[in-house]
Amino acid sequence: MSDLKKLKVKLFADGADLAGMKEMAANSMIKGFTTNPSLMRKAGISDYKAFARDVLAAIPDRPVSFEVFADDFNEMETQAREISAWGKNVNVKIPVTNTRKEFAGGLIERLSKAGVAVNVTAVMTLDQVERITARLDSKTPAIISVFAGRIADTGVDPMPIMKQSVEVMKAKPKAELIWASPRELLNVFQADAVGCHIITATNDILKKLALVGKDLDRYSLETVEMFYKDAKAAGYAIAARAAA
């Protein structure tokens, strides 16, 4: 726990299961929440606005990010302004491009200048971070979500990109960098090491916080015990080879 207390990076919970979000909200270490249409669909959410209202009623005191789902920038803007009005703690997620690979810079700039706290999502390159940062209003809080986990999935070390992104974003002090799509708890400490402001992780990763500082010899023994108990419970047996 001593290592966790030294962390400067803020922990956000990423998901769309209301019960799970409430569970994480009870943990004082969790400083905010993110979700997206894919997570919501997987959770069986059919009424977007009703779900958002339930979440905000349950979590009124920490930032929550909800994403637009249009592909046209004008329609995205309409949705963004509506979503922003749902609560003072709402960040509106805007994809860095639409499906035609058109940069959302103009929309990001208009919303940021209007005081909408955007969370620009699906970002994976330093060039994108630079272009987004240039469009943000210096007076309005904002988030840039760089999908470090997906970068790592391609065989590329995300650490240099994340570290450089932190430096680029210093031009807009109210903007925060999220390490998005982490794959393991180690990513929390990596995000902290490069100066990321936030890391957002699913509940299954965040629940591993209890393992931080665990004695590895003890963990090794527990793993051996688990394999033994599961083999016994399954009734596995290997018949002795008959003598020739």
C-alpha atoms as a PDB file:
ATOM      1  CA  MET A   1       0.000   0.000   0.000  1.00  0.00           C
ATOM      2  CA  SER A   2       2.968   2.328   0.554  1.00  0.00           C
ATOM      3  CA  ASP A   3       3.655   2.316  -3.201  1.00  0.00           C
ATOM      4  CA  LEU A   4       0.022   3.148  -3.974  1.00  0.00           C
ATOM      5  CA  LYS A   5       0.099   6.118  -1.624  1.00  0.00           C
ATOM      6  CA  LYS A   6       3.005   7.561  -3.594  1.00  0.00           C
ATOM      7  CA  LEU A   7       1.124   7.517  -6.899  1.00  0.00           C
ATOM      8  CA  LYS A   8       0.436  10.896  -8.451  1.00  0.00           C
ATOM      9  CA  VAL A   9      -1.577   9.527 -11.389  1.00  0.00           C
ATOM     10  CA  LYS A  10      -5.349   9.582 -10.827  1.00  0.00           C
ATOM     11  CA  LEU A  11      -7.218   6.289 -11.135  1.00  0.00           C
ATOM     12  CA  PHE A  12     -10.399   6.258 -13.232  1.00  0.00           C
ATOM     13  CA  ALA A  13     -12.700   3.250 -13.673  1.00  0.00           C
ATOM     14  CA  ASP A  14     -13.642   2.298 -17.233  1.00  0.00           C
ATOM     15  CA  GLY A  15     -16.879   0.405 -17.792  1.00  0.00           C
ATOM     16  CA  ALA A  16     -20.629   0.485 -18.353  1.00  0.00           C
ATOM     17  CA  ASP A  17     -21.981  -1.829 -15.683  1.00  0.00           C
ATOM     18  CA  LEU A  18     -23.869   0.380 -13.231  1.00  0.00           C
ATOM     19  CA  ALA A  19     -23.439  -2.024 -10.312  1.00  0.00           C
ATOM     20  CA  GLY A  20     -19.713  -2.222 -10.998  1.00  0.00           C
ATOM     21  CA  MET A  21     -19.460   1.546 -11.294  1.00  0.00           C
ATOM     22  CA  LYS A  22     -21.189   1.965  -7.937  1.00  0.00           C
ATOM     23  CA  GLU A  23     -18.791  -0.552  -6.434  1.00  0.00           C
ATOM     24  CA  MET A  24     -15.817   1.442  -7.700  1.00  0.00           C
ATOM     25  CA  ALA A  25     -17.406   4.710  -6.550  1.00  0.00           C
ATOM     26  CA  ALA A  26     -17.262   3.361  -2.997  1.00  0.00           C
ATOM     27  CA  ASN A  27     -13.467   3.231  -3.320  1.00  0.00           C
ATOM     28  CA  SER A  28     -11.946   6.603  -2.452  1.00  0.00           C
ATOM     29  CA  MET A  29      -8.955   5.843  -4.686  1.00  0.00           C
ATOM     30  CA  ILE A  30     -11.138   6.031  -7.790  1.00  0.00           C
ATOM     31  CA  LYS A  31     -11.218   9.664  -8.894  1.00  0.00           C
ATOM     32  CA  GLY A  32     -13.381   9.446 -12.025  1.00  0.00           C
ATOM     33  CA  PHE A  33     -15.131   7.266 -14.593  1.00  0.00           C
ATOM     34  CA  THR A  34     -15.101   6.668 -18.337  1.00  0.00           C
ATOM     35  CA  THR A  35     -17.288   4.648 -20.663  1.00  0.00           C
ATOM     36  CA  ASN A  36     -17.904   4.291 -24.406  1.00  0.00           C
ATOM     37  CA  PRO A  37     -20.582   2.961 -26.782  1.00  0.00           C
ATOM     38  CA  SER A  38     -18.836  -0.405 -27.199  1.00  0.00           C
ATOM     39  CA  LEU A  39     -18.737  -1.007 -23.451  1.00  0.00           C
ATOM     40  CA  MET A  40     -22.351   0.116 -23.157  1.00  0.00           C
ATOM     41  CA  ARG A  41     -23.487  -2.245 -25.915  1.00  0.00           C
ATOM     42  CA  LYS A  42     -21.585  -5.117 -24.280  1.00  0.00           C
ATOM     43  CA  ALA A  43     -23.341  -4.323 -20.991  1.00  0.00           C
ATOM     44  CA  GLY A  44     -26.729  -4.466 -22.709  1.00  0.00           C
ATOM     45  CA  ILE A  45     -27.504  -0.750 -22.401  1.00  0.00           C
ATOM     46  CA  SER A  46     -30.334   0.198 -24.776  1.00  0.00           C
ATOM     47  CA  ASP A  47     -31.331   3.656 -23.502  1.00  0.00           C
ATOM     48  CA  TYR A  48     -28.224   5.850 -23.586  1.00  0.00           C
ATOM     49  CA  LYS A  49     -29.658   8.880 -21.806  1.00  0.00           C
ATOM     50  CA  ALA A  50     -31.413   6.881 -19.093  1.00  0.00           C
ATOM     51  CA  PHE A  51     -28.187   5.018 -18.359  1.00  0.00           C
ATOM     52  CA  ALA A  52     -26.234   8.281 -18.168  1.00  0.00           C
ATOM     53  CA  ARG A  53     -28.814   9.778 -15.811  1.00  0.00           C
ATOM     54  CA  ASP A  54     -28.570   6.724 -13.533  1.00  0.00           C
ATOM     55  CA  VAL A  55     -24.780   6.936 -13.507  1.00  0.00           C
ATOM     56  CA  LEU A  56     -24.754  10.643 -12.704  1.00  0.00           C
ATOM     57  CA  ALA A  57     -27.313  10.175  -9.938  1.00  0.00           C
ATOM     58  CA  ALA A  58     -25.076   7.515  -8.406  1.00  0.00           C
ATOM     59  CA  ILE A  59     -21.819   9.395  -9.030  1.00  0.00           C
ATOM     60  CA  PRO A  60     -22.427  13.148  -8.718  1.00  0.00           C
ATOM     61  CA  ASP A  61     -19.075  14.070  -7.211  1.00  0.00           C
ATOM     62  CA  ARG A  62     -16.470  12.812  -9.711  1.00  0.00           C
ATOM     63  CA  PRO A  63     -15.906  13.336 -13.439  1.00  0.00           C
ATOM     64  CA  VAL A  64     -17.681  10.952 -15.803  1.00  0.00           C
ATOM     65  CA  SER A  65     -17.005  10.748 -19.556  1.00  0.00           C
ATOM     66  CA  PHE A  66     -19.799   9.936 -22.022  1.00  0.00           C
ATOM     67  CA  GLU A  67     -19.140   9.649 -25.751  1.00  0.00           C
ATOM     68  CA  VAL A  68     -20.962  11.032 -28.779  1.00  0.00           C
ATOM     69  CA  PHE A  69     -21.943   8.388 -31.319  1.00  0.00           C
ATOM     70  CA  ALA A  70     -22.603  10.313 -34.530  1.00  0.00           C
ATOM     71  CA  ASP A  71     -20.222  10.298 -37.506  1.00  0.00           C
ATOM     72  CA  ASP A  72     -21.119  13.749 -38.858  1.00  0.00           C
ATOM     73  CA  PHE A  73     -19.384  16.606 -37.053  1.00  0.00           C
ATOM     74  CA  ASN A  74     -22.474  18.817 -36.926  1.00  0.00           C
ATOM     75  CA  GLU A  75     -24.489  16.017 -35.360  1.00  0.00           C
ATOM     76  CA  MET A  76     -21.588  15.263 -33.005  1.00  0.00           C
ATOM     77  CA  GLU A  77     -21.701  18.866 -31.857  1.00  0.00           C
ATOM     78  CA  THR A  78     -25.439  18.702 -31.161  1.00  0.00           C
ATOM     79  CA  GLN A  79     -24.960  15.507 -29.157  1.00  0.00           C
ATOM     80  CA  ALA A  80     -21.942  16.924 -27.316  1.00  0.00           C
ATOM     81  CA  ARG A  81     -23.790  20.022 -26.163  1.00  0.00           C
ATOM     82  CA  GLU A  82     -26.719  17.891 -24.978  1.00  0.00           C
ATOM     83  CA  ILE A  83     -24.455  15.452 -23.107  1.00  0.00           C
ATOM     84  CA  SER A  84     -22.514  18.315 -21.536  1.00  0.00           C
ATOM     85  CA  ALA A  85     -25.755  19.717 -20.120  1.00  0.00           C
ATOM     86  CA  TRP A  86     -26.449  16.516 -18.167  1.00  0.00           C
ATOM     87  CA  GLY A  87     -24.131  17.514 -15.335  1.00  0.00           C
ATOM     88  CA  LYS A  88     -21.255  19.720 -14.222  1.00  0.00           C
ATOM     89  CA  ASN A  89     -19.084  16.642 -13.771  1.00  0.00           C
ATOM     90  CA  VAL A  90     -19.545  15.446 -17.374  1.00  0.00           C
ATOM     91  CA  ASN A  91     -16.734  15.189 -19.908  1.00  0.00           C
ATOM     92  CA  VAL A  92     -17.834  14.676 -23.497  1.00  0.00           C
ATOM     93  CA  LYS A  93     -15.818  12.130 -25.441  1.00  0.00           C
ATOM     94  CA  ILE A  94     -15.108  13.166 -29.027  1.00  0.00           C
ATOM     95  CA  PRO A  95     -13.330  10.729 -31.364  1.00  0.00           C
ATOM     96  CA  VAL A  96     -10.142  12.181 -32.826  1.00  0.00           C
ATOM     97  CA  THR A  97     -11.505  11.515 -36.334  1.00  0.00           C
ATOM     98  CA  ASN A  98     -14.741  10.319 -37.856  1.00  0.00           C
ATOM     99  CA  THR A  99     -14.934   7.044 -39.813  1.00  0.00           C
ATOM    100  CA  ARG A 100     -13.766   8.905 -42.942  1.00  0.00           C
ATOM    101  CA  LYS A 101     -10.502   9.750 -41.140  1.00  0.00           C
ATOM    102  CA  GLU A 102     -11.395  13.467 -41.038  1.00  0.00           C
ATOM    103  CA  PHE A 103      -9.750  15.186 -38.081  1.00  0.00           C
ATOM    104  CA  ALA A 104     -12.225  16.513 -35.498  1.00  0.00           C
ATOM    105  CA  GLY A 105     -10.122  19.608 -34.824  1.00  0.00           C
ATOM    106  CA  GLY A 106     -12.742  22.177 -35.752  1.00  0.00           C
ATOM    107  CA  LEU A 107     -15.355  20.538 -33.546  1.00  0.00           C
ATOM    108  CA  ILE A 108     -12.897  20.189 -30.661  1.00  0.00           C
ATOM    109  CA  GLU A 109     -12.029  23.878 -30.932  1.00  0.00           C
ATOM    110  CA  ARG A 110     -15.654  25.044 -31.045  1.00  0.00           C
ATOM    111  CA  LEU A 111     -16.679  22.946 -28.065  1.00  0.00           C
ATOM    112  CA  SER A 112     -13.630  23.850 -25.996  1.00  0.00           C
ATOM    113  CA  LYS A 113     -14.128  27.565 -26.653  1.00  0.00           C
ATOM    114  CA  ALA A 114     -17.771  27.165 -25.632  1.00  0.00           C
ATOM    115  CA  GLY A 115     -16.692  25.783 -22.275  1.00  0.00           C
ATOM    116  CA  VAL A 116     -17.476  22.134 -22.977  1.00  0.00           C
ATOM    117  CA  ALA A 117     -15.028  19.813 -21.200  1.00  0.00           C
ATOM    118  CA  VAL A 118     -14.047  17.425 -23.981  1.00  0.00           C
ATOM    119  CA  ASN A 119     -12.302  14.084 -23.720  1.00  0.00           C
ATOM    120  CA  VAL A 120     -10.736  13.454 -27.117  1.00  0.00           C
ATOM    121  CA  THR A 121     -10.589   9.696 -27.553  1.00  0.00           C
ATOM    122  CA  ALA A 122      -9.084   6.930 -29.723  1.00  0.00           C
ATOM    123  CA  VAL A 123      -5.799   8.860 -29.954  1.00  0.00           C
ATOM    124  CA  MET A 124      -2.688   6.846 -30.808  1.00  0.00           C
ATOM    125  CA  THR A 125      -0.004   9.110 -32.267  1.00  0.00           C
ATOM    126  CA  LEU A 126       2.030  12.062 -31.063  1.00  0.00           C
ATOM    127  CA  ASP A 127       0.970  14.003 -34.148  1.00  0.00           C
ATOM    128  CA  GLN A 128      -2.660  13.624 -33.093  1.00  0.00           C
ATOM    129  CA  VAL A 129      -1.823  14.836 -29.573  1.00  0.00           C
ATOM    130  CA  GLU A 130      -0.077  17.897 -30.994  1.00  0.00           C
ATOM    131  CA  ARG A 131      -2.990  18.762 -33.295  1.00  0.00           C
ATOM    132  CA  ILE A 132      -5.569  18.301 -30.542  1.00  0.00           C
ATOM    133  CA  THR A 133      -3.613  20.353 -28.012  1.00  0.00           C
ATOM    134  CA  ALA A 134      -3.376  23.227 -30.473  1.00  0.00           C
ATOM    135  CA  ARG A 135      -7.186  23.315 -30.724  1.00  0.00           C
ATOM    136  CA  LEU A 136      -7.960  23.306 -27.001  1.00  0.00           C
ATOM    137  CA  ASP A 137      -8.998  26.512 -25.262  1.00  0.00           C
ATOM    138  CA  SER A 138      -6.523  27.364 -22.519  1.00  0.00           C
ATOM    139  CA  LYS A 139      -9.335  28.283 -20.105  1.00  0.00           C
ATOM    140  CA  THR A 140     -11.383  25.084 -20.429  1.00  0.00           C
ATOM    141  CA  PRO A 141     -10.513  21.758 -18.777  1.00  0.00           C
ATOM    142  CA  ALA A 142      -9.977  18.943 -21.261  1.00  0.00           C
ATOM    143  CA  ILE A 143      -8.715  15.377 -21.519  1.00  0.00           C
ATOM    144  CA  ILE A 144      -6.785  13.608 -24.263  1.00  0.00           C
ATOM    145  CA  SER A 145      -7.126   9.816 -24.127  1.00  0.00           C
ATOM    146  CA  VAL A 146      -4.142   8.074 -25.702  1.00  0.00           C
ATOM    147  CA  PHE A 147      -4.792   4.356 -26.110  1.00  0.00           C
ATOM    148  CA  ALA A 148      -1.449   3.158 -24.810  1.00  0.00           C
ATOM    149  CA  GLY A 149      -2.681  -0.425 -24.490  1.00  0.00           C
ATOM    150  CA  ARG A 150      -3.662  -0.609 -28.141  1.00  0.00           C
ATOM    151  CA  ILE A 151      -0.339   0.948 -29.119  1.00  0.00           C
ATOM    152  CA  ALA A 152       1.394  -1.820 -27.154  1.00  0.00           C
ATOM    153  CA  ASP A 153      -0.792  -4.425 -28.895  1.00  0.00           C
ATOM    154  CA  THR A 154       0.971  -3.506 -32.154  1.00  0.00           C
ATOM    155  CA  GLY A 155       4.391  -4.265 -30.675  1.00  0.00           C
ATOM    156  CA  VAL A 156       5.266  -0.603 -30.083  1.00  0.00           C
ATOM    157  CA  ASP A 157       6.393   0.602 -26.659  1.00  0.00           C
ATOM    158  CA  PRO A 158       3.879   3.320 -25.673  1.00  0.00           C
ATOM    159  CA  MET A 159       6.101   4.844 -22.991  1.00  0.00           C
ATOM    160  CA  PRO A 160       7.975   7.298 -25.268  1.00  0.00           C
ATOM    161  CA  ILE A 161       4.721   8.476 -26.889  1.00  0.00           C
ATOM    162  CA  MET A 162       3.090   9.008 -23.512  1.00  0.00           C
ATOM    163  CA  LYS A 163       6.089  10.860 -22.115  1.00  0.00           C
ATOM    164  CA  GLN A 164       6.267  13.138 -25.158  1.00  0.00           C
ATOM    165  CA  SER A 165       2.508  13.730 -24.985  1.00  0.00           C
ATOM    166  CA  VAL A 166       2.859  14.988 -21.409  1.00  0.00           C
ATOM    167  CA  GLU A 167       5.420  17.534 -22.613  1.00  0.00           C
ATOM    168  CA  VAL A 168       3.302  18.663 -25.576  1.00  0.00           C
ATOM    169  CA  MET A 169       0.241  19.156 -23.395  1.00  0.00           C
ATOM    170  CA  LYS A 170       2.070  21.473 -21.001  1.00  0.00           C
ATOM    171  CA  ALA A 171       1.111  24.204 -23.469  1.00  0.00           C
ATOM    172  CA  LYS A 172      -2.451  23.835 -22.160  1.00  0.00           C
ATOM    173  CA  PRO A 173      -2.162  23.447 -18.363  1.00  0.00           C
ATOM    174  CA  LYS A 174      -5.866  22.619 -17.941  1.00  0.00           C
ATOM    175  CA  ALA A 175      -5.580  19.636 -20.267  1.00  0.00           C
ATOM    176  CA  GLU A 176      -4.945  16.181 -18.785  1.00  0.00           C
ATOM    177  CA  LEU A 177      -3.521  13.071 -20.426  1.00  0.00           C
ATOM    178  CA  ILE A 178      -5.217   9.708 -19.919  1.00  0.00           C
ATOM    179  CA  TRP A 179      -3.364   6.418 -20.325  1.00  0.00           C
ATOM    180  CA  ALA A 180      -6.246   4.495 -21.884  1.00  0.00           C
ATOM    181  CA  SER A 181      -6.783   0.776 -22.583  1.00  0.00           C
ATOM    182  CA  PRO A 182      -4.283  -0.560 -20.025  1.00  0.00           C
ATOM    183  CA  ARG A 183      -3.659  -4.287 -20.155  1.00  0.00           C
ATOM    184  CA  GLU A 184      -2.215  -4.933 -16.683  1.00  0.00           C
ATOM    185  CA  LEU A 185      -1.782  -3.269 -13.310  1.00  0.00           C
ATOM    186  CA  LEU A 186       1.873  -2.523 -14.090  1.00  0.00           C
ATOM    187  CA  ASN A 187       0.560   0.103 -16.538  1.00  0.00           C
ATOM    188  CA  VAL A 188      -0.611   2.173 -13.552  1.00  0.00           C
ATOM    189  CA  PHE A 189       2.967   2.552 -12.374  1.00  0.00           C
ATOM    190  CA  GLN A 190       4.218   3.151 -15.921  1.00  0.00           C
ATOM    191  CA  ALA A 191       1.652   5.909 -16.395  1.00  0.00           C
ATOM    192  CA  ASP A 192       2.738   7.460 -13.122  1.00  0.00           C
ATOM    193  CA  ALA A 193       6.415   7.255 -14.094  1.00  0.00           C
ATOM    194  CA  VAL A 194       5.950   9.252 -17.315  1.00  0.00           C
ATOM    195  CA  GLY A 195       3.753  11.878 -15.679  1.00  0.00           C
ATOM    196  CA  CYS A 196       0.329  10.924 -17.034  1.00  0.00           C
ATOM    197  CA  HIS A 197      -2.400  12.755 -15.162  1.00  0.00           C
ATOM    198  CA  ILE A 198      -4.919   9.880 -15.322  1.00  0.00           C
ATOM    199  CA  ILE A 199      -5.131   6.185 -16.122  1.00  0.00           C
ATOM    200  CA  THR A 200      -8.524   4.615 -16.785  1.00  0.00           C
ATOM    201  CA  ALA A 201      -8.861   0.876 -16.275  1.00  0.00           C
ATOM    202  CA  THR A 202     -11.540  -1.780 -16.165  1.00  0.00           C
ATOM    203  CA  ASN A 203     -12.723  -3.115 -12.815  1.00  0.00           C
ATOM    204  CA  ASP A 204     -10.875  -6.420 -13.247  1.00  0.00           C
ATOM    205  CA  ILE A 205      -7.566  -4.541 -13.471  1.00  0.00           C
ATOM    206  CA  LEU A 206      -8.383  -2.130 -10.651  1.00  0.00           C
ATOM    207  CA  LYS A 207      -9.295  -4.998  -8.336  1.00  0.00           C
ATOM    208  CA  LYS A 208      -5.673  -6.135  -8.623  1.00  0.00           C
ATOM    209  CA  LEU A 209      -4.625  -3.079  -6.612  1.00  0.00           C
ATOM    210  CA  ALA A 210      -4.914  -5.341  -3.582  1.00  0.00           C
ATOM    211  CA  LEU A 211      -1.933  -7.314  -4.919  1.00  0.00           C
ATOM    212  CA  VAL A 212       0.466  -4.370  -4.861  1.00  0.00           C
ATOM    213  CA  GLY A 213       3.345  -5.150  -2.516  1.00  0.00           C
ATOM    214  CA  LYS A 214       2.356  -8.808  -2.137  1.00  0.00           C
ATOM    215  CA  ASP A 215       5.212 -11.126  -1.190  1.00  0.00           C
ATOM    216  CA  LEU A 216       6.157 -13.027  -4.352  1.00  0.00           C
ATOM    217  CA  ASP A 217       7.206 -16.197  -2.525  1.00  0.00           C
ATOM    218  CA  ARG A 218       3.793 -16.296  -0.907  1.00  0.00           C
ATOM    219  CA  TYR A 219       2.124 -15.588  -4.264  1.00  0.00           C
ATOM    220  CA  SER A 220       4.115 -18.444  -5.809  1.00  0.00           C
ATOM    221  CA  LEU A 221       2.920 -20.859  -3.135  1.00  0.00           C
ATOM    222  CA  GLU A 222      -0.698 -19.741  -3.528  1.00  0.00           C
ATOM    223  CA  THR A 223      -0.454 -20.376  -7.267  1.00  0.00           C
ATOM    224  CA  VAL A 224       0.901 -23.903  -6.691  1.00  0.00           C
ATOM    225  CA  GLU A 225      -1.913 -24.528  -4.213  1.00  0.00           C
ATOM    226  CA  MET A 226      -4.491 -23.310  -6.734  1.00  0.00           C
ATOM    227  CA  PHE A 227      -3.226 -25.686  -9.436  1.00  0.00           C
ATOM    228  CA  TYR A 228      -3.224 -28.605  -6.980  1.00  0.00           C
ATOM    229  CA  LYS A 229      -6.733 -27.920  -5.646  1.00  0.00           C
ATOM    230  CA  ASP A 230      -8.187 -27.473  -9.145  1.00  0.00           C
ATOM    231  CA  ALA A 231      -6.631 -30.717 -10.367  1.00  0.00           C
ATOM    232  CA  LYS A 232      -8.027 -32.561  -7.322  1.00  0.00           C
ATOM    233  CA  ALA A 233     -11.460 -30.964  -7.765  1.00  0.00           C
ATOM    234  CA  ALA A 234     -11.510 -32.019 -11.423  1.00  0.00           C
ATOM    235  CA  GLY A 235     -10.702 -35.589 -10.462  1.00  0.00           C
ATOM    236  CA  TYR A 236      -7.792 -35.841 -12.849  1.00  0.00           C
ATOM    237  CA  ALA A 237      -5.888 -39.147 -12.841  1.00  0.00           C
ATOM    238  CA  ILE A 238      -3.236 -40.749 -14.994  1.00  0.00           C
ATOM    239  CA  ALA A 239      -3.369 -44.519 -15.066  1.00  0.00           C
ATOM    240  CA  ALA A 240      -0.056 -46.277 -14.477  1.00  0.00           C
ATOM    241  CA  ARG A 241       1.392 -47.863 -17.583  1.00  0.00           C
ATOM    242  CA  ALA A 242       0.971 -51.622 -17.545  1.00  0.00           C
ATOM    243  CA  ALA A 243       4.172 -53.622 -17.198  1.00  0.00           C
ATOM    244  CA  ALA A 244       5.433 -55.155 -20.433  1.00  0.00           C
END
